[in-house]
Amino acid sequence: MLSKINWNEVPVEQVTPDMQRQLVYGDKIMIGKMKFNDGFRVPLHSHENEQITQVIAGKMRFFLGANKEQEIELQAGDVLVIPPHLPHEALMIGEVVEIDTWAPPRQDWLDGTDDYLRK
């Protein structure tokens, strides 16, 4: 179904005191716009979804692999493609605004079972 959506009209979910997100999704893809406070850490996790992360403002430091053996720092304008099932963790440096895209949609984010974020 064709939809035109403006981010200003998408509800903001306060996931934690340091993380807000907005979600737009279809049957096969999901996009999320997130805002994080400095120092927020997305814990090490993996998922079946391919993920593309675009940093709009601030910096993100990614730790990739089961033992966090690879480190990549992204700043505004950088894009990272994360393959399905690759363990990853992210640390926010400064106030961060970023957009993630997943295929297929993140079912755990839709049904509220994304407990790893809320701890």
PDB file of N, CA and C in Angstrom:
ATOM      1  N   MET A   1       0.843  -1.172   0.000  1.00  0.00           N
ATOM      2  CA  MET A   1       0.000   0.000   0.000  1.00  0.00           C
ATOM      3  C   MET A   1       0.896   1.246   0.000  1.00  0.00           C
ATOM      4  N   LEU A   2       0.582   2.190  -0.833  1.00  0.00           N
ATOM      5  CA  LEU A   2       1.316   3.441  -0.933  1.00  0.00           C
ATOM      6  C   LEU A   2       0.988   4.325   0.265  1.00  0.00           C
ATOM      7  N   SER A   3       2.046   4.852   0.906  1.00  0.00           N
ATOM      8  CA  SER A   3       1.849   5.725   2.069  1.00  0.00           C
ATOM      9  C   SER A   3       2.818   6.893   1.985  1.00  0.00           C
ATOM     10  N   LYS A   4       2.336   8.077   2.307  1.00  0.00           N
ATOM     11  CA  LYS A   4       3.199   9.253   2.461  1.00  0.00           C
ATOM     12  C   LYS A   4       3.159   9.632   3.935  1.00  0.00           C
ATOM     13  N   ILE A   5       4.352   9.689   4.535  1.00  0.00           N
ATOM     14  CA  ILE A   5       4.439   9.914   5.973  1.00  0.00           C
ATOM     15  C   ILE A   5       5.487  10.985   6.228  1.00  0.00           C
ATOM     16  N   ASN A   6       5.219  11.878   7.173  1.00  0.00           N
ATOM     17  CA  ASN A   6       6.178  12.891   7.592  1.00  0.00           C
ATOM     18  C   ASN A   6       6.660  12.516   8.993  1.00  0.00           C
ATOM     19  N   TRP A   7       7.985  12.572   9.213  1.00  0.00           N
ATOM     20  CA  TRP A   7       8.516  12.207  10.535  1.00  0.00           C
ATOM     21  C   TRP A   7       7.865  12.996  11.660  1.00  0.00           C
ATOM     22  N   ASN A   8       7.463  14.228  11.399  1.00  0.00           N
ATOM     23  CA  ASN A   8       6.831  15.048  12.432  1.00  0.00           C
ATOM     24  C   ASN A   8       5.483  14.491  12.880  1.00  0.00           C
ATOM     25  N   GLU A   9       4.915  13.589  12.101  1.00  0.00           N
ATOM     26  CA  GLU A   9       3.620  12.991  12.432  1.00  0.00           C
ATOM     27  C   GLU A   9       3.745  11.586  13.013  1.00  0.00           C
ATOM     28  N   VAL A  10       4.955  11.048  13.058  1.00  0.00           N
ATOM     29  CA  VAL A  10       5.172   9.692  13.576  1.00  0.00           C
ATOM     30  C   VAL A  10       5.335   9.762  15.091  1.00  0.00           C
ATOM     31  N   PRO A  11       4.581   8.964  15.849  1.00  0.00           N
ATOM     32  CA  PRO A  11       4.697   8.993  17.313  1.00  0.00           C
ATOM     33  C   PRO A  11       6.130   8.704  17.771  1.00  0.00           C
ATOM     34  N   VAL A  12       6.539   9.404  18.827  1.00  0.00           N
ATOM     35  CA  VAL A  12       7.859   9.213  19.425  1.00  0.00           C
ATOM     36  C   VAL A  12       7.700   8.295  20.628  1.00  0.00           C
ATOM     37  N   GLU A  13       8.462   7.205  20.637  1.00  0.00           N
ATOM     38  CA  GLU A  13       8.463   6.281  21.773  1.00  0.00           C
ATOM     39  C   GLU A  13       9.696   6.562  22.620  1.00  0.00           C
ATOM     40  N   GLN A  14       9.496   6.805  23.904  1.00  0.00           N
ATOM     41  CA  GLN A  14      10.602   7.000  24.841  1.00  0.00           C
ATOM     42  C   GLN A  14      10.970   5.617  25.359  1.00  0.00           C
ATOM     43  N   VAL A  15      11.953   4.979  24.732  1.00  0.00           N
ATOM     44  CA  VAL A  15      12.331   3.605  25.066  1.00  0.00           C
ATOM     45  C   VAL A  15      13.004   3.545  26.432  1.00  0.00           C
ATOM     46  N   THR A  16      13.925   4.469  26.680  1.00  0.00           N
ATOM     47  CA  THR A  16      14.595   4.638  27.975  1.00  0.00           C
ATOM     48  C   THR A  16      14.734   6.145  28.175  1.00  0.00           C
ATOM     49  N   PRO A  17      15.194   6.591  29.338  1.00  0.00           N
ATOM     50  CA  PRO A  17      15.404   8.037  29.498  1.00  0.00           C
ATOM     51  C   PRO A  17      16.412   8.606  28.490  1.00  0.00           C
ATOM     52  N   ASP A  18      17.261   7.753  27.913  1.00  0.00           N
ATOM     53  CA  ASP A  18      18.307   8.211  26.993  1.00  0.00           C
ATOM     54  C   ASP A  18      18.089   7.804  25.543  1.00  0.00           C
ATOM     55  N   MET A  19      16.925   7.243  25.218  1.00  0.00           N
ATOM     56  CA  MET A  19      16.668   6.786  23.842  1.00  0.00           C
ATOM     57  C   MET A  19      15.224   7.033  23.443  1.00  0.00           C
ATOM     58  N   GLN A  20      15.071   7.690  22.295  1.00  0.00           N
ATOM     59  CA  GLN A  20      13.752   7.870  21.669  1.00  0.00           C
ATOM     60  C   GLN A  20      13.794   7.241  20.288  1.00  0.00           C
ATOM     61  N   ARG A  21      12.655   6.751  19.839  1.00  0.00           N
ATOM     62  CA  ARG A  21      12.606   6.213  18.482  1.00  0.00           C
ATOM     63  C   ARG A  21      11.252   6.453  17.841  1.00  0.00           C
ATOM     64  N   GLN A  22      11.288   6.514  16.528  1.00  0.00           N
ATOM     65  CA  GLN A  22      10.093   6.586  15.695  1.00  0.00           C
ATOM     66  C   GLN A  22      10.238   5.486  14.652  1.00  0.00           C
ATOM     67  N   LEU A  23       9.143   4.811  14.352  1.00  0.00           N
ATOM     68  CA  LEU A  23       9.195   3.687  13.420  1.00  0.00           C
ATOM     69  C   LEU A  23       8.184   3.846  12.299  1.00  0.00           C
ATOM     70  N   VAL A  24       8.635   3.531  11.101  1.00  0.00           N
ATOM     71  CA  VAL A  24       7.777   3.447   9.930  1.00  0.00           C
ATOM     72  C   VAL A  24       8.101   2.116   9.278  1.00  0.00           C
ATOM     73  N   TYR A  25       7.085   1.355   8.909  1.00  0.00           N
ATOM     74  CA  TYR A  25       7.356   0.032   8.345  1.00  0.00           C
ATOM     75  C   TYR A  25       6.268  -0.390   7.373  1.00  0.00           C
ATOM     76  N   GLY A  26       6.689  -1.280   6.487  1.00  0.00           N
ATOM     77  CA  GLY A  26       5.780  -1.935   5.560  1.00  0.00           C
ATOM     78  C   GLY A  26       5.843  -3.426   5.817  1.00  0.00           C
ATOM     79  N   ASP A  27       5.496  -4.211   4.835  1.00  0.00           N
ATOM     80  CA  ASP A  27       5.510  -5.667   4.990  1.00  0.00           C
ATOM     81  C   ASP A  27       6.922  -6.239   5.013  1.00  0.00           C
ATOM     82  N   LYS A  28       7.864  -5.613   4.271  1.00  0.00           N
ATOM     83  CA  LYS A  28       9.179  -6.223   4.094  1.00  0.00           C
ATOM     84  C   LYS A  28      10.346  -5.371   4.558  1.00  0.00           C
ATOM     85  N   ILE A  29      10.083  -4.154   5.020  1.00  0.00           N
ATOM     86  CA  ILE A  29      11.171  -3.269   5.420  1.00  0.00           C
ATOM     87  C   ILE A  29      10.695  -2.343   6.542  1.00  0.00           C
ATOM     88  N   MET A  30      11.637  -1.910   7.375  1.00  0.00           N
ATOM     89  CA  MET A  30      11.335  -0.997   8.482  1.00  0.00           C
ATOM     90  C   MET A  30      12.422   0.057   8.543  1.00  0.00           C
ATOM     91  N   ILE A  31      12.025   1.274   8.875  1.00  0.00           N
ATOM     92  CA  ILE A  31      12.978   2.353   9.090  1.00  0.00           C
ATOM     93  C   ILE A  31      12.682   2.966  10.458  1.00  0.00           C
ATOM     94  N   GLY A  32      13.749   3.253  11.178  1.00  0.00           N
ATOM     95  CA  GLY A  32      13.608   3.850  12.501  1.00  0.00           C
ATOM     96  C   GLY A  32      14.492   5.072  12.610  1.00  0.00           C
ATOM     97  N   LYS A  33      13.941   6.139  13.159  1.00  0.00           N
ATOM     98  CA  LYS A  33      14.714   7.347  13.438  1.00  0.00           C
ATOM     99  C   LYS A  33      14.904   7.402  14.944  1.00  0.00           C
ATOM    100  N   MET A  34      16.152   7.440  15.384  1.00  0.00           N
ATOM    101  CA  MET A  34      16.455   7.388  16.800  1.00  0.00           C
ATOM    102  C   MET A  34      17.246   8.613  17.249  1.00  0.00           C
ATOM    103  N   LYS A  35      17.013   8.978  18.520  1.00  0.00           N
ATOM    104  CA  LYS A  35      17.798  10.019  19.181  1.00  0.00           C
ATOM    105  C   LYS A  35      18.321   9.415  20.472  1.00  0.00           C
ATOM    106  N   PHE A  36      19.627   9.599  20.715  1.00  0.00           N
ATOM    107  CA  PHE A  36      20.276   9.048  21.896  1.00  0.00           C
ATOM    108  C   PHE A  36      21.031  10.144  22.636  1.00  0.00           C
ATOM    109  N   ASN A  37      21.068  10.042  23.950  1.00  0.00           N
ATOM    110  CA  ASN A  37      21.915  10.913  24.751  1.00  0.00           C
ATOM    111  C   ASN A  37      23.335  10.366  24.764  1.00  0.00           C
ATOM    112  N   ASP A  38      24.289  11.253  25.012  1.00  0.00           N
ATOM    113  CA  ASP A  38      25.697  10.887  25.085  1.00  0.00           C
ATOM    114  C   ASP A  38      25.901   9.747  26.073  1.00  0.00           C
ATOM    115  N   GLY A  39      26.693   8.768  25.674  1.00  0.00           N
ATOM    116  CA  GLY A  39      27.043   7.662  26.556  1.00  0.00           C
ATOM    117  C   GLY A  39      26.091   6.480  26.502  1.00  0.00           C
ATOM    118  N   PHE A  40      24.945   6.620  25.809  1.00  0.00           N
ATOM    119  CA  PHE A  40      24.026   5.484  25.726  1.00  0.00           C
ATOM    120  C   PHE A  40      24.721   4.342  24.994  1.00  0.00           C
ATOM    121  N   ARG A  41      24.497   3.130  25.480  1.00  0.00           N
ATOM    122  CA  ARG A  41      25.108   1.951  24.871  1.00  0.00           C
ATOM    123  C   ARG A  41      23.999   0.975  24.462  1.00  0.00           C
ATOM    124  N   VAL A  42      24.000   0.620  23.197  1.00  0.00           N
ATOM    125  CA  VAL A  42      23.135  -0.461  22.725  1.00  0.00           C
ATOM    126  C   VAL A  42      23.914  -1.746  22.992  1.00  0.00           C
ATOM    127  N   PRO A  43      23.413  -2.629  23.870  1.00  0.00           N
ATOM    128  CA  PRO A  43      24.171  -3.828  24.242  1.00  0.00           C
ATOM    129  C   PRO A  43      24.416  -4.752  23.047  1.00  0.00           C
ATOM    130  N   LEU A  44      25.422  -5.591  23.187  1.00  0.00           N
ATOM    131  CA  LEU A  44      25.750  -6.579  22.163  1.00  0.00           C
ATOM    132  C   LEU A  44      24.525  -7.439  21.882  1.00  0.00           C
ATOM    133  N   HIS A  45      24.174  -7.546  20.614  1.00  0.00           N
ATOM    134  CA  HIS A  45      23.022  -8.338  20.202  1.00  0.00           C
ATOM    135  C   HIS A  45      23.191  -8.688  18.725  1.00  0.00           C
ATOM    136  N   SER A  46      22.348  -9.569  18.248  1.00  0.00           N
ATOM    137  CA  SER A  46      22.295  -9.888  16.820  1.00  0.00           C
ATOM    138  C   SER A  46      20.856 -10.194  16.473  1.00  0.00           C
ATOM    139  N   HIS A  47      20.579 -10.182  15.184  1.00  0.00           N
ATOM    140  CA  HIS A  47      19.220 -10.455  14.717  1.00  0.00           C
ATOM    141  C   HIS A  47      19.270 -10.944  13.286  1.00  0.00           C
ATOM    142  N   GLU A  48      18.168 -11.516  12.848  1.00  0.00           N
ATOM    143  CA  GLU A  48      18.069 -12.065  11.498  1.00  0.00           C
ATOM    144  C   GLU A  48      18.033 -10.981  10.426  1.00  0.00           C
ATOM    145  N   ASN A  49      17.825  -9.742  10.832  1.00  0.00           N
ATOM    146  CA  ASN A  49      17.593  -8.643   9.898  1.00  0.00           C
ATOM    147  C   ASN A  49      18.894  -8.048   9.390  1.00  0.00           C
ATOM    148  N   GLU A  50      18.949  -7.774   8.095  1.00  0.00           N
ATOM    149  CA  GLU A  50      20.019  -6.939   7.572  1.00  0.00           C
ATOM    150  C   GLU A  50      19.734  -5.523   8.053  1.00  0.00           C
ATOM    151  N   GLN A  51      20.774  -4.774   8.403  1.00  0.00           N
ATOM    152  CA  GLN A  51      20.604  -3.438   8.977  1.00  0.00           C
ATOM    153  C   GLN A  51      21.513  -2.448   8.264  1.00  0.00           C
ATOM    154  N   ILE A  52      20.970  -1.283   7.982  1.00  0.00           N
ATOM    155  CA  ILE A  52      21.769  -0.174   7.457  1.00  0.00           C
ATOM    156  C   ILE A  52      21.598   0.987   8.427  1.00  0.00           C
ATOM    157  N   THR A  53      22.710   1.478   8.960  1.00  0.00           N
ATOM    158  CA  THR A  53      22.705   2.576   9.920  1.00  0.00           C
ATOM    159  C   THR A  53      23.293   3.819   9.264  1.00  0.00           C
ATOM    160  N   GLN A  54      22.553   4.935   9.353  1.00  0.00           N
ATOM    161  CA  GLN A  54      22.994   6.221   8.822  1.00  0.00           C
ATOM    162  C   GLN A  54      23.081   7.207   9.979  1.00  0.00           C
ATOM    163  N   VAL A  55      24.244   7.795  10.203  1.00  0.00           N
ATOM    164  CA  VAL A  55      24.405   8.773  11.275  1.00  0.00           C
ATOM    165  C   VAL A  55      24.101  10.163  10.721  1.00  0.00           C
ATOM    166  N   ILE A  56      23.174  10.849  11.383  1.00  0.00           N
ATOM    167  CA  ILE A  56      22.771  12.196  10.987  1.00  0.00           C
ATOM    168  C   ILE A  56      23.530  13.242  11.809  1.00  0.00           C
ATOM    169  N   ALA A  57      23.685  12.989  13.118  1.00  0.00           N
ATOM    170  CA  ALA A  57      24.396  13.907  14.012  1.00  0.00           C
ATOM    171  C   ALA A  57      25.075  13.101  15.110  1.00  0.00           C
ATOM    172  N   GLY A  58      26.204  13.599  15.598  1.00  0.00           N
ATOM    173  CA  GLY A  58      26.952  12.916  16.644  1.00  0.00           C
ATOM    174  C   GLY A  58      27.839  11.830  16.065  1.00  0.00           C
ATOM    175  N   LYS A  59      28.330  10.965  16.958  1.00  0.00           N
ATOM    176  CA  LYS A  59      29.194   9.854  16.549  1.00  0.00           C
ATOM    177  C   LYS A  59      28.713   8.575  17.213  1.00  0.00           C
ATOM    178  N   MET A  60      28.911   7.463  16.517  1.00  0.00           N
ATOM    179  CA  MET A  60      28.605   6.138  17.055  1.00  0.00           C
ATOM    180  C   MET A  60      29.851   5.273  16.913  1.00  0.00           C
ATOM    181  N   ARG A  61      30.193   4.566  17.974  1.00  0.00           N
ATOM    182  CA  ARG A  61      31.290   3.605  17.913  1.00  0.00           C
ATOM    183  C   ARG A  61      30.679   2.214  17.966  1.00  0.00           C
ATOM    184  N   PHE A  62      30.868   1.445  16.903  1.00  0.00           N
ATOM    185  CA  PHE A  62      30.357   0.087  16.818  1.00  0.00           C
ATOM    186  C   PHE A  62      31.445  -0.907  17.187  1.00  0.00           C
ATOM    187  N   PHE A  63      31.043  -1.943  17.916  1.00  0.00           N
ATOM    188  CA  PHE A  63      31.893  -3.081  18.248  1.00  0.00           C
ATOM    189  C   PHE A  63      31.222  -4.279  17.590  1.00  0.00           C
ATOM    190  N   LEU A  64      31.939  -4.933  16.691  1.00  0.00           N
ATOM    191  CA  LEU A  64      31.356  -5.988  15.861  1.00  0.00           C
ATOM    192  C   LEU A  64      32.021  -7.324  16.127  1.00  0.00           C
ATOM    193  N   GLY A  65      31.224  -8.393  16.106  1.00  0.00           N
ATOM    194  CA  GLY A  65      31.701  -9.739  16.348  1.00  0.00           C
ATOM    195  C   GLY A  65      31.350 -10.189  17.755  1.00  0.00           C
ATOM    196  N   ALA A  66      31.312 -11.507  17.937  1.00  0.00           N
ATOM    197  CA  ALA A  66      30.924 -12.083  19.231  1.00  0.00           C
ATOM    198  C   ALA A  66      31.833 -11.625  20.356  1.00  0.00           C
ATOM    199  N   ASN A  67      33.113 -11.374  20.048  1.00  0.00           N
ATOM    200  CA  ASN A  67      34.070 -10.915  21.051  1.00  0.00           C
ATOM    201  C   ASN A  67      34.438  -9.449  20.849  1.00  0.00           C
ATOM    202  N   LYS A  68      33.597  -8.735  20.096  1.00  0.00           N
ATOM    203  CA  LYS A  68      33.808  -7.314  19.808  1.00  0.00           C
ATOM    204  C   LYS A  68      35.184  -7.070  19.189  1.00  0.00           C
ATOM    205  N   GLU A  69      35.592  -7.981  18.293  1.00  0.00           N
ATOM    206  CA  GLU A  69      36.941  -7.920  17.739  1.00  0.00           C
ATOM    207  C   GLU A  69      37.157  -6.817  16.706  1.00  0.00           C
ATOM    208  N   GLN A  70      36.087  -6.250  16.178  1.00  0.00           N
ATOM    209  CA  GLN A  70      36.233  -5.158  15.206  1.00  0.00           C
ATOM    210  C   GLN A  70      35.555  -3.900  15.750  1.00  0.00           C
ATOM    211  N   GLU A  71      36.186  -2.758  15.574  1.00  0.00           N
ATOM    212  CA  GLU A  71      35.637  -1.485  16.039  1.00  0.00           C
ATOM    213  C   GLU A  71      35.589  -0.523  14.855  1.00  0.00           C
ATOM    214  N   ILE A  72      34.439   0.134  14.691  1.00  0.00           N
ATOM    215  CA  ILE A  72      34.247   1.116  13.621  1.00  0.00           C
ATOM    216  C   ILE A  72      33.567   2.330  14.216  1.00  0.00           C
ATOM    217  N   GLU A  73      34.093   3.515  13.921  1.00  0.00           N
ATOM    218  CA  GLU A  73      33.470   4.744  14.393  1.00  0.00           C
ATOM    219  C   GLU A  73      32.809   5.463  13.220  1.00  0.00           C
ATOM    220  N   LEU A  74      31.570   5.852  13.416  1.00  0.00           N
ATOM    221  CA  LEU A  74      30.808   6.565  12.404  1.00  0.00           C
ATOM    222  C   LEU A  74      30.532   7.977  12.879  1.00  0.00           C
ATOM    223  N   GLN A  75      30.559   8.914  11.951  1.00  0.00           N
ATOM    224  CA  GLN A  75      30.170  10.289  12.252  1.00  0.00           C
ATOM    225  C   GLN A  75      29.095  10.706  11.255  1.00  0.00           C
ATOM    226  N   ALA A  76      28.597  11.921  11.409  1.00  0.00           N
ATOM    227  CA  ALA A  76      27.526  12.407  10.539  1.00  0.00           C
ATOM    228  C   ALA A  76      27.908  12.205   9.077  1.00  0.00           C
ATOM    229  N   GLY A  77      26.992  11.598   8.338  1.00  0.00           N
ATOM    230  CA  GLY A  77      27.202  11.328   6.919  1.00  0.00           C
ATOM    231  C   GLY A  77      27.655   9.911   6.634  1.00  0.00           C
ATOM    232  N   ASP A  78      28.119   9.184   7.652  1.00  0.00           N
ATOM    233  CA  ASP A  78      28.574   7.807   7.450  1.00  0.00           C
ATOM    234  C   ASP A  78      27.406   6.831   7.483  1.00  0.00           C
ATOM    235  N   VAL A  79      27.568   5.750   6.719  1.00  0.00           N
ATOM    236  CA  VAL A  79      26.569   4.689   6.633  1.00  0.00           C
ATOM    237  C   VAL A  79      27.276   3.358   6.837  1.00  0.00           C
ATOM    238  N   LEU A  80      26.676   2.472   7.634  1.00  0.00           N
ATOM    239  CA  LEU A  80      27.231   1.150   7.898  1.00  0.00           C
ATOM    240  C   LEU A  80      26.196   0.098   7.537  1.00  0.00           C
ATOM    241  N   VAL A  81      26.604  -0.910   6.765  1.00  0.00           N
ATOM    242  CA  VAL A  81      25.735  -2.036   6.421  1.00  0.00           C
ATOM    243  C   VAL A  81      26.145  -3.210   7.303  1.00  0.00           C
ATOM    244  N   ILE A  82      25.208  -3.693   8.109  1.00  0.00           N
ATOM    245  CA  ILE A  82      25.465  -4.801   9.038  1.00  0.00           C
ATOM    246  C   ILE A  82      24.722  -6.031   8.537  1.00  0.00           C
ATOM    247  N   PRO A  83      25.452  -7.098   8.201  1.00  0.00           N
ATOM    248  CA  PRO A  83      24.784  -8.300   7.704  1.00  0.00           C
ATOM    249  C   PRO A  83      23.946  -8.996   8.783  1.00  0.00           C
ATOM    250  N   PRO A  84      22.986  -9.809   8.377  1.00  0.00           N
ATOM    251  CA  PRO A  84      22.187 -10.563   9.348  1.00  0.00           C
ATOM    252  C   PRO A  84      23.078 -11.421  10.253  1.00  0.00           C
ATOM    253  N   HIS A  85      22.666 -11.553  11.503  1.00  0.00           N
ATOM    254  CA  HIS A  85      23.281 -12.439  12.503  1.00  0.00           C
ATOM    255  C   HIS A  85      24.659 -11.992  12.987  1.00  0.00           C
ATOM    256  N   LEU A  86      25.171 -10.832  12.570  1.00  0.00           N
ATOM    257  CA  LEU A  86      26.471 -10.360  13.054  1.00  0.00           C
ATOM    258  C   LEU A  86      26.271  -9.658  14.401  1.00  0.00           C
ATOM    259  N   PRO A  87      26.867 -10.187  15.475  1.00  0.00           N
ATOM    260  CA  PRO A  87      26.736  -9.512  16.764  1.00  0.00           C
ATOM    261  C   PRO A  87      27.327  -8.097  16.685  1.00  0.00           C
ATOM    262  N   HIS A  88      26.623  -7.144  17.286  1.00  0.00           N
ATOM    263  CA  HIS A  88      27.094  -5.764  17.280  1.00  0.00           C
ATOM    264  C   HIS A  88      26.599  -5.026  18.517  1.00  0.00           C
ATOM    265  N   GLU A  89      27.399  -4.044  18.912  1.00  0.00           N
ATOM    266  CA  GLU A  89      27.122  -3.178  20.053  1.00  0.00           C
ATOM    267  C   GLU A  89      27.443  -1.768  19.590  1.00  0.00           C
ATOM    268  N   ALA A  90      26.789  -0.759  20.169  1.00  0.00           N
ATOM    269  CA  ALA A  90      27.069   0.616  19.762  1.00  0.00           C
ATOM    270  C   ALA A  90      27.110   1.540  20.975  1.00  0.00           C
ATOM    271  N   LEU A  91      28.075   2.442  20.961  1.00  0.00           N
ATOM    272  CA  LEU A  91      28.234   3.456  21.993  1.00  0.00           C
ATOM    273  C   LEU A  91      28.010   4.817  21.349  1.00  0.00           C
ATOM    274  N   MET A  92      27.152   5.640  21.968  1.00  0.00           N
ATOM    275  CA  MET A  92      26.874   6.977  21.453  1.00  0.00           C
ATOM    276  C   MET A  92      27.877   7.974  22.022  1.00  0.00           C
ATOM    277  N   ILE A  93      28.442   8.767  21.132  1.00  0.00           N
ATOM    278  CA  ILE A  93      29.416   9.781  21.520  1.00  0.00           C
ATOM    279  C   ILE A  93      28.804  11.127  21.164  1.00  0.00           C
ATOM    280  N   GLY A  94      28.412  11.866  22.176  1.00  0.00           N
ATOM    281  CA  GLY A  94      27.654  13.091  21.968  1.00  0.00           C
ATOM    282  C   GLY A  94      26.187  12.760  21.767  1.00  0.00           C
ATOM    283  N   GLU A  95      25.392  13.786  21.527  1.00  0.00           N
ATOM    284  CA  GLU A  95      23.974  13.579  21.224  1.00  0.00           C
ATOM    285  C   GLU A  95      23.905  13.009  19.813  1.00  0.00           C
ATOM    286  N   VAL A  96      23.254  11.876  19.640  1.00  0.00           N
ATOM    287  CA  VAL A  96      23.235  11.187  18.355  1.00  0.00           C
ATOM    288  C   VAL A  96      21.825  11.165  17.776  1.00  0.00           C
ATOM    289  N   VAL A  97      21.735  11.448  16.492  1.00  0.00           N
ATOM    290  CA  VAL A  97      20.528  11.226  15.702  1.00  0.00           C
ATOM    291  C   VAL A  97      20.946  10.297  14.587  1.00  0.00           C
ATOM    292  N   GLU A  98      20.219   9.210  14.427  1.00  0.00           N
ATOM    293  CA  GLU A  98      20.557   8.247  13.383  1.00  0.00           C
ATOM    294  C   GLU A  98      19.312   7.582  12.854  1.00  0.00           C
ATOM    295  N   ILE A  99      19.444   7.026  11.656  1.00  0.00           N
ATOM    296  CA  ILE A  99      18.339   6.321  11.006  1.00  0.00           C
ATOM    297  C   ILE A  99      18.805   4.915  10.678  1.00  0.00           C
ATOM    298  N   ASP A 100      18.041   3.929  11.132  1.00  0.00           N
ATOM    299  CA  ASP A 100      18.315   2.529  10.817  1.00  0.00           C
ATOM    300  C   ASP A 100      17.232   2.010   9.896  1.00  0.00           C
ATOM    301  N   THR A 101      17.653   1.149   8.982  1.00  0.00           N
ATOM    302  CA  THR A 101      16.724   0.461   8.085  1.00  0.00           C
ATOM    303  C   THR A 101      16.974  -1.028   8.242  1.00  0.00           C
ATOM    304  N   TRP A 102      15.897  -1.812   8.355  1.00  0.00           N
ATOM    305  CA  TRP A 102      16.011  -3.260   8.510  1.00  0.00           C
ATOM    306  C   TRP A 102      15.120  -3.978   7.505  1.00  0.00           C
ATOM    307  N   ALA A 103      15.614  -5.095   7.044  1.00  0.00           N
ATOM    308  CA  ALA A 103      14.797  -5.999   6.238  1.00  0.00           C
ATOM    309  C   ALA A 103      15.078  -7.405   6.732  1.00  0.00           C
ATOM    310  N   PRO A 104      14.052  -8.163   7.079  1.00  0.00           N
ATOM    311  CA  PRO A 104      12.661  -7.745   7.224  1.00  0.00           C
ATOM    312  C   PRO A 104      12.491  -6.843   8.452  1.00  0.00           C
ATOM    313  N   PRO A 105      11.264  -6.319   8.694  1.00  0.00           N
ATOM    314  CA  PRO A 105      11.018  -5.483   9.878  1.00  0.00           C
ATOM    315  C   PRO A 105      11.412  -6.201  11.171  1.00  0.00           C
ATOM    316  N   ARG A 106      11.815  -5.425  12.164  1.00  0.00           N
ATOM    317  CA  ARG A 106      12.200  -5.957  13.476  1.00  0.00           C
ATOM    318  C   ARG A 106      10.947  -6.306  14.276  1.00  0.00           C
ATOM    319  N   GLN A 107      10.595  -7.571  14.287  1.00  0.00           N
ATOM    320  CA  GLN A 107       9.397  -8.001  14.999  1.00  0.00           C
ATOM    321  C   GLN A 107       9.506  -7.724  16.496  1.00  0.00           C
ATOM    322  N   ASP A 108      10.717  -7.858  17.067  1.00  0.00           N
ATOM    323  CA  ASP A 108      10.888  -7.602  18.509  1.00  0.00           C
ATOM    324  C   ASP A 108      10.605  -6.144  18.853  1.00  0.00           C
ATOM    325  N   TRP A 109      10.868  -5.222  17.934  1.00  0.00           N
ATOM    326  CA  TRP A 109      10.562  -3.813  18.173  1.00  0.00           C
ATOM    327  C   TRP A 109       9.073  -3.555  18.036  1.00  0.00           C
ATOM    328  N   LEU A 110       8.409  -4.313  17.196  1.00  0.00           N
ATOM    329  CA  LEU A 110       6.969  -4.131  16.999  1.00  0.00           C
ATOM    330  C   LEU A 110       6.149  -4.727  18.137  1.00  0.00           C
ATOM    331  N   ASP A 111       6.612  -5.860  18.677  1.00  0.00           N
ATOM    332  CA  ASP A 111       5.810  -6.513  19.724  1.00  0.00           C
ATOM    333  C   ASP A 111       6.311  -6.232  21.139  1.00  0.00           C
ATOM    334  N   GLY A 112       7.354  -5.387  21.277  1.00  0.00           N
ATOM    335  CA  GLY A 112       7.812  -4.984  22.599  1.00  0.00           C
ATOM    336  C   GLY A 112       8.692  -5.979  23.321  1.00  0.00           C
ATOM    337  N   THR A 113       9.269  -6.965  22.592  1.00  0.00           N
ATOM    338  CA  THR A 113      10.134  -7.955  23.230  1.00  0.00           C
ATOM    339  C   THR A 113      11.612  -7.578  23.090  1.00  0.00           C
ATOM    340  N   ASP A 114      11.906  -6.322  22.867  1.00  0.00           N
ATOM    341  CA  ASP A 114      13.280  -5.830  22.714  1.00  0.00           C
ATOM    342  C   ASP A 114      13.877  -5.446  24.070  1.00  0.00           C
ATOM    343  N   ASP A 115      13.821  -6.396  25.019  1.00  0.00           N
ATOM    344  CA  ASP A 115      14.255  -6.153  26.397  1.00  0.00           C
ATOM    345  C   ASP A 115      15.732  -5.770  26.499  1.00  0.00           C
ATOM    346  N   TYR A 116      16.558  -6.217  25.570  1.00  0.00           N
ATOM    347  CA  TYR A 116      17.990  -5.915  25.633  1.00  0.00           C
ATOM    348  C   TYR A 116      18.238  -4.400  25.609  1.00  0.00           C
ATOM    349  N   LEU A 117      17.326  -3.633  25.029  1.00  0.00           N
ATOM    350  CA  LEU A 117      17.472  -2.178  24.961  1.00  0.00           C
ATOM    351  C   LEU A 117      17.011  -1.478  26.235  1.00  0.00           C
ATOM    352  N   ARG A 118      16.101  -2.083  26.943  1.00  0.00           N
ATOM    353  CA  ARG A 118      15.409  -1.410  28.041  1.00  0.00           C
ATOM    354  C   ARG A 118      16.061  -1.629  29.395  1.00  0.00           C
ATOM    355  N   LYS A 119      17.160  -2.377  29.453  1.00  0.00           N
ATOM    356  CA  LYS A 119      17.805  -2.676  30.736  1.00  0.00           C
ATOM    357  C   LYS A 119      18.622  -1.521  31.236  1.00  0.00           C
TER     358      LYS A 119
END
